[in-house]
Amino acid sequence: MWEEIVPLGYQGSYQRVRAYFREKRLSPGPVTARPPSPRVVAGWILRRPETLTETEHLRLKAVLVHCPELDALTGHVRSFGQMLTERQGERLPQLARCRPARRPPRSPHPRRRHRP
């Protein structure tokens, strides 16, 4: 690396470059939050929105931004839940007509059938 940056105008020593990269290699990587599990996300979607904490609401929002299909599903689940809790059975035919415009993509790892 030192040989590459000297022609670009670097005036420091080889040892300084070596020490810099050694420190970078040995320092821990940036701490990132683990993504929530599918079970946790499903729990957030199935609960009433007003019962979510601020943190749960923000984390769910971050998940839904990256997956439009899951965002649409969340809308359907919430609508269905409202229909049930407010006893709005007359809305059922309208909700039944809400179908996805296209088929969701297939998983790259389809499940194998268990054969006895």
PDB file of N, CA and C in Angstrom:
ATOM      1  N   MET A   1       0.829  -1.182   0.000  1.00  0.00           N
ATOM      2  CA  MET A   1       0.000   0.000   0.000  1.00  0.00           C
ATOM      3  C   MET A   1       0.876   1.250   0.000  1.00  0.00           C
ATOM      4  N   TRP A   2       1.933   1.200   0.789  1.00  0.00           N
ATOM      5  CA  TRP A   2       2.827   2.344   0.874  1.00  0.00           C
ATOM      6  C   TRP A   2       3.386   2.701  -0.495  1.00  0.00           C
ATOM      7  N   GLU A   3       3.755   1.642  -1.272  1.00  0.00           N
ATOM      8  CA  GLU A   3       4.288   1.890  -2.611  1.00  0.00           C
ATOM      9  C   GLU A   3       3.264   2.573  -3.516  1.00  0.00           C
ATOM     10  N   GLU A   4       1.975   2.336  -3.257  1.00  0.00           N
ATOM     11  CA  GLU A   4       0.931   2.934  -4.091  1.00  0.00           C
ATOM     12  C   GLU A   4       0.639   4.376  -3.717  1.00  0.00           C
ATOM     13  N   ILE A   5       0.775   4.737  -2.438  1.00  0.00           N
ATOM     14  CA  ILE A   5       0.393   6.094  -2.037  1.00  0.00           C
ATOM     15  C   ILE A   5       1.544   7.099  -2.063  1.00  0.00           C
ATOM     16  N   VAL A   6       2.794   6.625  -2.083  1.00  0.00           N
ATOM     17  CA  VAL A   6       3.934   7.556  -2.168  1.00  0.00           C
ATOM     18  C   VAL A   6       3.893   8.340  -3.478  1.00  0.00           C
ATOM     19  N   PRO A   7       3.661   7.702  -4.646  1.00  0.00           N
ATOM     20  CA  PRO A   7       3.579   8.493  -5.883  1.00  0.00           C
ATOM     21  C   PRO A   7       2.422   9.490  -5.895  1.00  0.00           C
ATOM     22  N   LEU A   8       1.438   9.269  -5.023  1.00  0.00           N
ATOM     23  CA  LEU A   8       0.296  10.187  -4.959  1.00  0.00           C
ATOM     24  C   LEU A   8       0.562  11.378  -4.038  1.00  0.00           C
ATOM     25  N   GLY A   9       1.763  11.400  -3.422  1.00  0.00           N
ATOM     26  CA  GLY A   9       2.138  12.540  -2.603  1.00  0.00           C
ATOM     27  C   GLY A   9       2.252  12.246  -1.115  1.00  0.00           C
ATOM     28  N   TYR A  10       2.067  11.015  -0.681  1.00  0.00           N
ATOM     29  CA  TYR A  10       2.198  10.693   0.742  1.00  0.00           C
ATOM     30  C   TYR A  10       3.650  10.811   1.164  1.00  0.00           C
ATOM     31  N   GLN A  11       3.912  11.514   2.263  1.00  0.00           N
ATOM     32  CA  GLN A  11       5.276  11.743   2.703  1.00  0.00           C
ATOM     33  C   GLN A  11       5.610  11.033   4.007  1.00  0.00           C
ATOM     34  N   GLY A  12       4.679  10.255   4.530  1.00  0.00           N
ATOM     35  CA  GLY A  12       4.922   9.551   5.779  1.00  0.00           C
ATOM     36  C   GLY A  12       5.762   8.304   5.565  1.00  0.00           C
ATOM     37  N   SER A  13       6.111   7.666   6.671  1.00  0.00           N
ATOM     38  CA  SER A  13       6.990   6.502   6.612  1.00  0.00           C
ATOM     39  C   SER A  13       6.191   5.214   6.384  1.00  0.00           C
ATOM     40  N   TYR A  14       6.934   4.207   5.987  1.00  0.00           N
ATOM     41  CA  TYR A  14       6.353   2.873   5.792  1.00  0.00           C
ATOM     42  C   TYR A  14       5.783   2.350   7.113  1.00  0.00           C
ATOM     43  N   GLN A  15       6.498   2.574   8.224  1.00  0.00           N
ATOM     44  CA  GLN A  15       6.072   2.084   9.526  1.00  0.00           C
ATOM     45  C   GLN A  15       4.740   2.722   9.953  1.00  0.00           C
ATOM     46  N   ARG A  16       4.542   3.977   9.610  1.00  0.00           N
ATOM     47  CA  ARG A  16       3.290   4.647   9.973  1.00  0.00           C
ATOM     48  C   ARG A  16       2.113   4.012   9.233  1.00  0.00           C
ATOM     49  N   VAL A  17       2.284   3.695   7.958  1.00  0.00           N
ATOM     50  CA  VAL A  17       1.224   3.038   7.175  1.00  0.00           C
ATOM     51  C   VAL A  17       0.958   1.645   7.743  1.00  0.00           C
ATOM     52  N   ARG A  18       2.029   0.937   8.056  1.00  0.00           N
ATOM     53  CA  ARG A  18       1.905  -0.408   8.612  1.00  0.00           C
ATOM     54  C   ARG A  18       1.157  -0.384   9.954  1.00  0.00           C
ATOM     55  N   ALA A  19       1.503   0.573  10.817  1.00  0.00           N
ATOM     56  CA  ALA A  19       0.838   0.688  12.118  1.00  0.00           C
ATOM     57  C   ALA A  19      -0.636   1.039  11.953  1.00  0.00           C
ATOM     58  N   TYR A  20      -0.942   1.892  10.986  1.00  0.00           N
ATOM     59  CA  TYR A  20      -2.331   2.274  10.734  1.00  0.00           C
ATOM     60  C   TYR A  20      -3.166   1.056  10.360  1.00  0.00           C
ATOM     61  N   PHE A  21      -2.663   0.249   9.431  1.00  0.00           N
ATOM     62  CA  PHE A  21      -3.428  -0.918   8.989  1.00  0.00           C
ATOM     63  C   PHE A  21      -3.486  -2.002  10.056  1.00  0.00           C
ATOM     64  N   ARG A  22      -2.443  -2.126  10.854  1.00  0.00           N
ATOM     65  CA  ARG A  22      -2.485  -3.093  11.954  1.00  0.00           C
ATOM     66  C   ARG A  22      -3.597  -2.709  12.935  1.00  0.00           C
ATOM     67  N   GLU A  23      -3.684  -1.437  13.252  1.00  0.00           N
ATOM     68  CA  GLU A  23      -4.732  -0.965  14.164  1.00  0.00           C
ATOM     69  C   GLU A  23      -6.118  -1.222  13.582  1.00  0.00           C
ATOM     70  N   LYS A  24      -6.294  -0.968  12.294  1.00  0.00           N
ATOM     71  CA  LYS A  24      -7.583  -1.205  11.640  1.00  0.00           C
ATOM     72  C   LYS A  24      -7.958  -2.687  11.648  1.00  0.00           C
ATOM     73  N   ARG A  25      -6.966  -3.541  11.449  1.00  0.00           N
ATOM     74  CA  ARG A  25      -7.228  -4.988  11.430  1.00  0.00           C
ATOM     75  C   ARG A  25      -7.624  -5.498  12.799  1.00  0.00           C
ATOM     76  N   LEU A  26      -6.985  -4.995  13.834  1.00  0.00           N
ATOM     77  CA  LEU A  26      -7.199  -5.512  15.185  1.00  0.00           C
ATOM     78  C   LEU A  26      -8.376  -4.868  15.911  1.00  0.00           C
ATOM     79  N   SER A  27      -8.811  -3.707  15.448  1.00  0.00           N
ATOM     80  CA  SER A  27      -9.934  -3.047  16.126  1.00  0.00           C
ATOM     81  C   SER A  27     -11.237  -3.760  15.766  1.00  0.00           C
ATOM     82  N   PRO A  28     -12.156  -3.819  16.718  1.00  0.00           N
ATOM     83  CA  PRO A  28     -13.430  -4.481  16.419  1.00  0.00           C
ATOM     84  C   PRO A  28     -14.198  -3.689  15.372  1.00  0.00           C
ATOM     85  N   GLY A  29     -15.008  -4.409  14.613  1.00  0.00           N
ATOM     86  CA  GLY A  29     -15.811  -3.766  13.584  1.00  0.00           C
ATOM     87  C   GLY A  29     -16.906  -2.914  14.202  1.00  0.00           C
ATOM     88  N   PRO A  30     -17.577  -2.146  13.391  1.00  0.00           N
ATOM     89  CA  PRO A  30     -18.647  -1.305  13.921  1.00  0.00           C
ATOM     90  C   PRO A  30     -19.778  -2.177  14.481  1.00  0.00           C
ATOM     91  N   VAL A  31     -20.346  -1.722  15.556  1.00  0.00           N
ATOM     92  CA  VAL A  31     -21.436  -2.465  16.184  1.00  0.00           C
ATOM     93  C   VAL A  31     -22.724  -2.127  15.453  1.00  0.00           C
ATOM     94  N   THR A  32     -23.365  -3.140  14.928  1.00  0.00           N
ATOM     95  CA  THR A  32     -24.632  -2.946  14.241  1.00  0.00           C
ATOM     96  C   THR A  32     -25.681  -3.793  14.930  1.00  0.00           C
ATOM     97  N   ALA A  33     -26.889  -3.317  14.918  1.00  0.00           N
ATOM     98  CA  ALA A  33     -27.989  -4.058  15.533  1.00  0.00           C
ATOM     99  C   ALA A  33     -28.356  -5.247  14.649  1.00  0.00           C
ATOM    100  N   ARG A  34     -28.624  -6.359  15.302  1.00  0.00           N
ATOM    101  CA  ARG A  34     -29.056  -7.534  14.551  1.00  0.00           C
ATOM    102  C   ARG A  34     -30.464  -7.280  14.026  1.00  0.00           C
ATOM    103  N   PRO A  35     -30.751  -7.756  12.832  1.00  0.00           N
ATOM    104  CA  PRO A  35     -32.120  -7.575  12.322  1.00  0.00           C
ATOM    105  C   PRO A  35     -33.087  -8.390  13.175  1.00  0.00           C
ATOM    106  N   PRO A  36     -34.315  -7.932  13.302  1.00  0.00           N
ATOM    107  CA  PRO A  36     -35.281  -8.677  14.099  1.00  0.00           C
ATOM    108  C   PRO A  36     -35.627  -9.997  13.417  1.00  0.00           C
ATOM    109  N   SER A  37     -35.960 -10.986  14.216  1.00  0.00           N
ATOM    110  CA  SER A  37     -36.315 -12.290  13.665  1.00  0.00           C
ATOM    111  C   SER A  37     -37.700 -12.201  13.011  1.00  0.00           C
ATOM    112  N   PRO A  38     -38.003 -13.122  12.102  1.00  0.00           N
ATOM    113  CA  PRO A  38     -39.343 -13.137  11.484  1.00  0.00           C
ATOM    114  C   PRO A  38     -40.455 -13.238  12.527  1.00  0.00           C
ATOM    115  N   ARG A  39     -40.206 -13.979  13.599  1.00  0.00           N
ATOM    116  CA  ARG A  39     -41.226 -14.116  14.649  1.00  0.00           C
ATOM    117  C   ARG A  39     -41.498 -12.772  15.322  1.00  0.00           C
ATOM    118  N   VAL A  40     -40.448 -12.013  15.573  1.00  0.00           N
ATOM    119  CA  VAL A  40     -40.611 -10.703  16.217  1.00  0.00           C
ATOM    120  C   VAL A  40     -41.363  -9.755  15.289  1.00  0.00           C
ATOM    121  N   VAL A  41     -41.006  -9.747  14.000  1.00  0.00           N
ATOM    122  CA  VAL A  41     -41.680  -8.873  13.035  1.00  0.00           C
ATOM    123  C   VAL A  41     -43.152  -9.258  12.924  1.00  0.00           C
ATOM    124  N   ALA A  42     -43.434 -10.552  12.879  1.00  0.00           N
ATOM    125  CA  ALA A  42     -44.834 -11.007  12.813  1.00  0.00           C
ATOM    126  C   ALA A  42     -45.594 -10.535  14.048  1.00  0.00           C
ATOM    127  N   GLY A  43     -44.950 -10.590  15.202  1.00  0.00           N
ATOM    128  CA  GLY A  43     -45.600 -10.111  16.426  1.00  0.00           C
ATOM    129  C   GLY A  43     -45.920  -8.629  16.355  1.00  0.00           C
ATOM    130  N   TRP A  44     -45.002  -7.851  15.799  1.00  0.00           N
ATOM    131  CA  TRP A  44     -45.252  -6.421  15.657  1.00  0.00           C
ATOM    132  C   TRP A  44     -46.423  -6.167  14.714  1.00  0.00           C
ATOM    133  N   ILE A  45     -46.490  -6.922  13.631  1.00  0.00           N
ATOM    134  CA  ILE A  45     -47.556  -6.727  12.650  1.00  0.00           C
ATOM    135  C   ILE A  45     -48.908  -7.124  13.228  1.00  0.00           C
ATOM    136  N   LEU A  46     -48.945  -8.202  13.997  1.00  0.00           N
ATOM    137  CA  LEU A  46     -50.209  -8.718  14.509  1.00  0.00           C
ATOM    138  C   LEU A  46     -50.731  -7.957  15.724  1.00  0.00           C
ATOM    139  N   ARG A  47     -49.871  -7.207  16.401  1.00  0.00           N
ATOM    140  CA  ARG A  47     -50.331  -6.432  17.555  1.00  0.00           C
ATOM    141  C   ARG A  47     -50.979  -5.131  17.107  1.00  0.00           C
ATOM    142  N   ARG A  48     -51.809  -4.595  17.974  1.00  0.00           N
ATOM    143  CA  ARG A  48     -52.398  -3.286  17.676  1.00  0.00           C
ATOM    144  C   ARG A  48     -51.285  -2.246  17.622  1.00  0.00           C
ATOM    145  N   PRO A  49     -51.313  -1.361  16.642  1.00  0.00           N
ATOM    146  CA  PRO A  49     -50.231  -0.372  16.504  1.00  0.00           C
ATOM    147  C   PRO A  49     -50.042   0.484  17.755  1.00  0.00           C
ATOM    148  N   GLU A  50     -51.125   0.799  18.448  1.00  0.00           N
ATOM    149  CA  GLU A  50     -50.994   1.668  19.630  1.00  0.00           C
ATOM    150  C   GLU A  50     -50.328   0.969  20.811  1.00  0.00           C
ATOM    151  N   THR A  51     -50.193  -0.363  20.770  1.00  0.00           N
ATOM    152  CA  THR A  51     -49.540  -1.069  21.862  1.00  0.00           C
ATOM    153  C   THR A  51     -48.027  -1.228  21.639  1.00  0.00           C
ATOM    154  N   LEU A  52     -47.550  -0.870  20.449  1.00  0.00           N
ATOM    155  CA  LEU A  52     -46.111  -0.957  20.179  1.00  0.00           C
ATOM    156  C   LEU A  52     -45.384   0.177  20.886  1.00  0.00           C
ATOM    157  N   THR A  53     -44.205  -0.130  21.397  1.00  0.00           N
ATOM    158  CA  THR A  53     -43.377   0.933  21.959  1.00  0.00           C
ATOM    159  C   THR A  53     -42.819   1.775  20.816  1.00  0.00           C
ATOM    160  N   GLU A  54     -42.264   2.909  21.151  1.00  0.00           N
ATOM    161  CA  GLU A  54     -41.679   3.782  20.125  1.00  0.00           C
ATOM    162  C   GLU A  54     -40.551   3.058  19.387  1.00  0.00           C
ATOM    163  N   THR A  55     -39.734   2.322  20.120  1.00  0.00           N
ATOM    164  CA  THR A  55     -38.626   1.580  19.511  1.00  0.00           C
ATOM    165  C   THR A  55     -39.156   0.499  18.581  1.00  0.00           C
ATOM    166  N   GLU A  56     -40.159  -0.257  19.021  1.00  0.00           N
ATOM    167  CA  GLU A  56     -40.729  -1.309  18.174  1.00  0.00           C
ATOM    168  C   GLU A  56     -41.345  -0.715  16.917  1.00  0.00           C
ATOM    169  N   HIS A  57     -42.026   0.407  17.078  1.00  0.00           N
ATOM    170  CA  HIS A  57     -42.643   1.067  15.917  1.00  0.00           C
ATOM    171  C   HIS A  57     -41.579   1.491  14.903  1.00  0.00           C
ATOM    172  N   LEU A  58     -40.480   2.074  15.384  1.00  0.00           N
ATOM    173  CA  LEU A  58     -39.418   2.514  14.482  1.00  0.00           C
ATOM    174  C   LEU A  58     -38.726   1.332  13.804  1.00  0.00           C
ATOM    175  N   ARG A  59     -38.509   0.247  14.553  1.00  0.00           N
ATOM    176  CA  ARG A  59     -37.861  -0.926  13.961  1.00  0.00           C
ATOM    177  C   ARG A  59     -38.767  -1.586  12.931  1.00  0.00           C
ATOM    178  N   LEU A  60     -40.082  -1.646  13.208  1.00  0.00           N
ATOM    179  CA  LEU A  60     -41.014  -2.197  12.226  1.00  0.00           C
ATOM    180  C   LEU A  60     -41.031  -1.330  10.971  1.00  0.00           C
ATOM    181  N   LYS A  61     -41.034  -0.035  11.156  1.00  0.00           N
ATOM    182  CA  LYS A  61     -41.024   0.883  10.018  1.00  0.00           C
ATOM    183  C   LYS A  61     -39.778   0.667   9.156  1.00  0.00           C
ATOM    184  N   ALA A  62     -38.635   0.436   9.804  1.00  0.00           N
ATOM    185  CA  ALA A  62     -37.389   0.190   9.069  1.00  0.00           C
ATOM    186  C   ALA A  62     -37.473  -1.105   8.267  1.00  0.00           C
ATOM    187  N   VAL A  63     -38.119  -2.114   8.817  1.00  0.00           N
ATOM    188  CA  VAL A  63     -38.282  -3.382   8.093  1.00  0.00           C
ATOM    189  C   VAL A  63     -39.210  -3.187   6.898  1.00  0.00           C
ATOM    190  N   LEU A  64     -40.323  -2.486   7.108  1.00  0.00           N
ATOM    191  CA  LEU A  64     -41.317  -2.315   6.045  1.00  0.00           C
ATOM    192  C   LEU A  64     -40.804  -1.461   4.892  1.00  0.00           C
ATOM    193  N   VAL A  65     -39.873  -0.553   5.174  1.00  0.00           N
ATOM    194  CA  VAL A  65     -39.290   0.281   4.110  1.00  0.00           C
ATOM    195  C   VAL A  65     -38.554  -0.595   3.101  1.00  0.00           C
ATOM    196  N   HIS A  66     -37.941  -1.673   3.585  1.00  0.00           N
ATOM    197  CA  HIS A  66     -37.132  -2.524   2.716  1.00  0.00           C
ATOM    198  C   HIS A  66     -37.926  -3.638   2.040  1.00  0.00           C
ATOM    199  N   CYS A  67     -39.193  -3.807   2.397  1.00  0.00           N
ATOM    200  CA  CYS A  67     -39.983  -4.901   1.815  1.00  0.00           C
ATOM    201  C   CYS A  67     -41.400  -4.417   1.523  1.00  0.00           C
ATOM    202  N   PRO A  68     -41.673  -3.973   0.289  1.00  0.00           N
ATOM    203  CA  PRO A  68     -43.003  -3.452  -0.034  1.00  0.00           C
ATOM    204  C   PRO A  68     -44.105  -4.506   0.103  1.00  0.00           C
ATOM    205  N   GLU A  69     -43.769  -5.770  -0.146  1.00  0.00           N
ATOM    206  CA  GLU A  69     -44.785  -6.820  -0.009  1.00  0.00           C
ATOM    207  C   GLU A  69     -45.218  -6.965   1.452  1.00  0.00           C
ATOM    208  N   LEU A  70     -44.258  -6.894   2.341  1.00  0.00           N
ATOM    209  CA  LEU A  70     -44.565  -6.987   3.765  1.00  0.00           C
ATOM    210  C   LEU A  70     -45.327  -5.751   4.236  1.00  0.00           C
ATOM    211  N   ASP A  71     -45.016  -4.616   3.657  1.00  0.00           N
ATOM    212  CA  ASP A  71     -45.740  -3.384   3.974  1.00  0.00           C
ATOM    213  C   ASP A  71     -47.203  -3.515   3.559  1.00  0.00           C
ATOM    214  N   ALA A  72     -47.445  -4.042   2.352  1.00  0.00           N
ATOM    215  CA  ALA A  72     -48.826  -4.244   1.892  1.00  0.00           C
ATOM    216  C   ALA A  72     -49.546  -5.248   2.784  1.00  0.00           C
ATOM    217  N   LEU A  73     -48.858  -6.326   3.148  1.00  0.00           N
ATOM    218  CA  LEU A  73     -49.446  -7.330   4.028  1.00  0.00           C
ATOM    219  C   LEU A  73     -49.829  -6.719   5.365  1.00  0.00           C
ATOM    220  N   THR A  74     -48.982  -5.849   5.900  1.00  0.00           N
ATOM    221  CA  THR A  74     -49.272  -5.193   7.170  1.00  0.00           C
ATOM    222  C   THR A  74     -50.565  -4.394   7.088  1.00  0.00           C
ATOM    223  N   GLY A  75     -50.751  -3.703   5.977  1.00  0.00           N
ATOM    224  CA  GLY A  75     -51.996  -2.953   5.776  1.00  0.00           C
ATOM    225  C   GLY A  75     -53.209  -3.866   5.774  1.00  0.00           C
ATOM    226  N   HIS A  76     -53.106  -5.006   5.100  1.00  0.00           N
ATOM    227  CA  HIS A  76     -54.221  -5.955   5.054  1.00  0.00           C
ATOM    228  C   HIS A  76     -54.510  -6.544   6.430  1.00  0.00           C
ATOM    229  N   VAL A  77     -53.464  -6.895   7.158  1.00  0.00           N
ATOM    230  CA  VAL A  77     -53.636  -7.476   8.497  1.00  0.00           C
ATOM    231  C   VAL A  77     -54.296  -6.462   9.425  1.00  0.00           C
ATOM    232  N   ARG A  78     -53.831  -5.232   9.382  1.00  0.00           N
ATOM    233  CA  ARG A  78     -54.407  -4.200  10.250  1.00  0.00           C
ATOM    234  C   ARG A  78     -55.862  -3.920   9.880  1.00  0.00           C
ATOM    235  N   SER A  79     -56.156  -3.910   8.599  1.00  0.00           N
ATOM    236  CA  SER A  79     -57.531  -3.694   8.157  1.00  0.00           C
ATOM    237  C   SER A  79     -58.435  -4.836   8.618  1.00  0.00           C
ATOM    238  N   PHE A  80     -57.949  -6.053   8.495  1.00  0.00           N
ATOM    239  CA  PHE A  80     -58.719  -7.208   8.925  1.00  0.00           C
ATOM    240  C   PHE A  80     -58.928  -7.180  10.441  1.00  0.00           C
ATOM    241  N   GLY A  81     -57.893  -6.838  11.181  1.00  0.00           N
ATOM    242  CA  GLY A  81     -58.015  -6.747  12.627  1.00  0.00           C
ATOM    243  C   GLY A  81     -59.023  -5.696  13.052  1.00  0.00           C
ATOM    244  N   GLN A  82     -59.016  -4.562  12.375  1.00  0.00           N
ATOM    245  CA  GLN A  82     -59.985  -3.502  12.674  1.00  0.00           C
ATOM    246  C   GLN A  82     -61.399  -3.985  12.355  1.00  0.00           C
ATOM    247  N   MET A  83     -61.537  -4.692  11.247  1.00  0.00           N
ATOM    248  CA  MET A  83     -62.842  -5.211  10.867  1.00  0.00           C
ATOM    249  C   MET A  83     -63.381  -6.162  11.940  1.00  0.00           C
ATOM    250  N   LEU A  84     -62.503  -7.007  12.489  1.00  0.00           N
ATOM    251  CA  LEU A  84     -62.934  -7.964  13.506  1.00  0.00           C
ATOM    252  C   LEU A  84     -63.272  -7.276  14.826  1.00  0.00           C
ATOM    253  N   THR A  85     -62.403  -6.383  15.280  1.00  0.00           N
ATOM    254  CA  THR A  85     -62.622  -5.766  16.589  1.00  0.00           C
ATOM    255  C   THR A  85     -63.793  -4.792  16.585  1.00  0.00           C
ATOM    256  N   GLU A  86     -64.059  -4.169  15.453  1.00  0.00           N
ATOM    257  CA  GLU A  86     -65.170  -3.221  15.371  1.00  0.00           C
ATOM    258  C   GLU A  86     -66.423  -3.839  14.769  1.00  0.00           C
ATOM    259  N   ARG A  87     -66.385  -5.153  14.577  1.00  0.00           N
ATOM    260  CA  ARG A  87     -67.529  -5.919  14.058  1.00  0.00           C
ATOM    261  C   ARG A  87     -68.087  -5.305  12.781  1.00  0.00           C
ATOM    262  N   GLN A  88     -67.224  -5.185  11.807  1.00  0.00           N
ATOM    263  CA  GLN A  88     -67.592  -4.614  10.512  1.00  0.00           C
ATOM    264  C   GLN A  88     -67.610  -5.714   9.455  1.00  0.00           C
ATOM    265  N   GLY A  89     -68.415  -6.737   9.677  1.00  0.00           N
ATOM    266  CA  GLY A  89     -68.480  -7.881   8.779  1.00  0.00           C
ATOM    267  C   GLY A  89     -68.877  -7.522   7.359  1.00  0.00           C
ATOM    268  N   GLU A  90     -69.574  -6.420   7.190  1.00  0.00           N
ATOM    269  CA  GLU A  90     -69.989  -6.010   5.840  1.00  0.00           C
ATOM    270  C   GLU A  90     -68.786  -5.650   4.967  1.00  0.00           C
ATOM    271  N   ARG A  91     -67.629  -5.401   5.573  1.00  0.00           N
ATOM    272  CA  ARG A  91     -66.417  -5.089   4.811  1.00  0.00           C
ATOM    273  C   ARG A  91     -65.686  -6.324   4.306  1.00  0.00           C
ATOM    274  N   LEU A  92     -66.117  -7.511   4.724  1.00  0.00           N
ATOM    275  CA  LEU A  92     -65.406  -8.737   4.349  1.00  0.00           C
ATOM    276  C   LEU A  92     -65.315  -8.934   2.835  1.00  0.00           C
ATOM    277  N   PRO A  93     -66.404  -8.759   2.053  1.00  0.00           N
ATOM    278  CA  PRO A  93     -66.246  -8.925   0.591  1.00  0.00           C
ATOM    279  C   PRO A  93     -65.227  -7.946  -0.004  1.00  0.00           C
ATOM    280  N   GLN A  94     -65.189  -6.731   0.505  1.00  0.00           N
ATOM    281  CA  GLN A  94     -64.225  -5.743   0.016  1.00  0.00           C
ATOM    282  C   GLN A  94     -62.799  -6.189   0.340  1.00  0.00           C
ATOM    283  N   LEU A  95     -62.597  -6.702   1.537  1.00  0.00           N
ATOM    284  CA  LEU A  95     -61.269  -7.155   1.936  1.00  0.00           C
ATOM    285  C   LEU A  95     -60.860  -8.389   1.143  1.00  0.00           C
ATOM    286  N   ALA A  96     -61.812  -9.247   0.824  1.00  0.00           N
ATOM    287  CA  ALA A  96     -61.507 -10.464   0.072  1.00  0.00           C
ATOM    288  C   ALA A  96     -61.051 -10.139  -1.353  1.00  0.00           C
ATOM    289  N   ARG A  97     -61.473  -9.005  -1.888  1.00  0.00           N
ATOM    290  CA  ARG A  97     -61.073  -8.614  -3.250  1.00  0.00           C
ATOM    291  C   ARG A  97     -59.659  -8.048  -3.296  1.00  0.00           C
ATOM    292  N   CYS A  98     -59.089  -7.725  -2.167  1.00  0.00           N
ATOM    293  CA  CYS A  98     -57.725  -7.174  -2.114  1.00  0.00           C
ATOM    294  C   CYS A  98     -56.734  -8.306  -2.313  1.00  0.00           C
ATOM    295  N   ARG A  99     -56.281  -8.452  -3.518  1.00  0.00           N
ATOM    296  CA  ARG A  99     -55.302  -9.496  -3.837  1.00  0.00           C
ATOM    297  C   ARG A  99     -54.040  -8.827  -4.346  1.00  0.00           C
ATOM    298  N   PRO A 100     -52.919  -9.484  -4.162  1.00  0.00           N
ATOM    299  CA  PRO A 100     -51.684  -8.897  -4.691  1.00  0.00           C
ATOM    300  C   PRO A 100     -51.717  -8.837  -6.215  1.00  0.00           C
ATOM    301  N   ALA A 101     -51.091  -7.795  -6.763  1.00  0.00           N
ATOM    302  CA  ALA A 101     -51.076  -7.615  -8.210  1.00  0.00           C
ATOM    303  C   ALA A 101     -50.259  -8.698  -8.906  1.00  0.00           C
ATOM    304  N   ARG A 102     -49.283  -9.212  -8.222  1.00  0.00           N
ATOM    305  CA  ARG A 102     -48.463 -10.257  -8.817  1.00  0.00           C
ATOM    306  C   ARG A 102     -48.103 -11.279  -7.747  1.00  0.00           C
ATOM    307  N   ARG A 103     -47.648 -12.396  -8.209  1.00  0.00           N
ATOM    308  CA  ARG A 103     -47.258 -13.459  -7.281  1.00  0.00           C
ATOM    309  C   ARG A 103     -45.940 -13.090  -6.614  1.00  0.00           C
ATOM    310  N   PRO A 104     -45.811 -13.325  -5.301  1.00  0.00           N
ATOM    311  CA  PRO A 104     -44.542 -12.999  -4.647  1.00  0.00           C
ATOM    312  C   PRO A 104     -43.407 -13.848  -5.194  1.00  0.00           C
ATOM    313  N   PRO A 105     -42.182 -13.344  -5.143  1.00  0.00           N
ATOM    314  CA  PRO A 105     -41.053 -14.112  -5.675  1.00  0.00           C
ATOM    315  C   PRO A 105     -40.841 -15.393  -4.881  1.00  0.00           C
ATOM    316  N   ARG A 106     -40.345 -16.410  -5.571  1.00  0.00           N
ATOM    317  CA  ARG A 106     -40.075 -17.685  -4.909  1.00  0.00           C
ATOM    318  C   ARG A 106     -38.807 -17.586  -4.093  1.00  0.00           C
ATOM    319  N   SER A 107     -38.774 -18.355  -3.049  1.00  0.00           N
ATOM    320  CA  SER A 107     -37.607 -18.387  -2.182  1.00  0.00           C
ATOM    321  C   SER A 107     -36.448 -19.046  -2.926  1.00  0.00           C
ATOM    322  N   PRO A 108     -35.222 -18.549  -2.743  1.00  0.00           N
ATOM    323  CA  PRO A 108     -34.081 -19.197  -3.401  1.00  0.00           C
ATOM    324  C   PRO A 108     -33.785 -20.576  -2.817  1.00  0.00           C
ATOM    325  N   HIS A 109     -34.333 -20.857  -1.654  1.00  0.00           N
ATOM    326  CA  HIS A 109     -34.125 -22.154  -1.005  1.00  0.00           C
ATOM    327  C   HIS A 109     -35.470 -22.797  -0.706  1.00  0.00           C
ATOM    328  N   PRO A 110     -36.084 -23.417  -1.711  1.00  0.00           N
ATOM    329  CA  PRO A 110     -37.403 -24.014  -1.452  1.00  0.00           C
ATOM    330  C   PRO A 110     -37.284 -25.139  -0.429  1.00  0.00           C
ATOM    331  N   ARG A 111     -38.311 -25.271   0.365  1.00  0.00           N
ATOM    332  CA  ARG A 111     -38.308 -26.331   1.373  1.00  0.00           C
ATOM    333  C   ARG A 111     -38.467 -27.686   0.700  1.00  0.00           C
ATOM    334  N   ARG A 112     -37.754 -28.620   1.237  1.00  0.00           N
ATOM    335  CA  ARG A 112     -37.866 -29.972   0.704  1.00  0.00           C
ATOM    336  C   ARG A 112     -38.958 -30.715   1.422  1.00  0.00           C
ATOM    337  N   ARG A 113     -39.638 -31.526   0.699  1.00  0.00           N
ATOM    338  CA  ARG A 113     -40.699 -32.320   1.325  1.00  0.00           C
ATOM    339  C   ARG A 113     -40.080 -33.463   2.087  1.00  0.00           C
ATOM    340  N   HIS A 114     -40.659 -33.708   3.243  1.00  0.00           N
ATOM    341  CA  HIS A 114     -40.207 -34.822   4.065  1.00  0.00           C
ATOM    342  C   HIS A 114     -40.933 -36.069   3.602  1.00  0.00           C
ATOM    343  N   ARG A 115     -40.172 -37.056   3.224  1.00  0.00           N
ATOM    344  CA  ARG A 115     -40.787 -38.328   2.792  1.00  0.00           C
ATOM    345  C   ARG A 115     -40.410 -39.407   3.785  1.00  0.00           C
ATOM    346  N   PRO A 116     -41.421 -40.047   4.346  1.00  0.00           N
ATOM    347  CA  PRO A 116     -41.123 -41.122   5.316  1.00  0.00           C
ATOM    348  C   PRO A 116     -40.497 -42.332   4.705  1.00  0.00           C
TER     349      PRO A 116
END
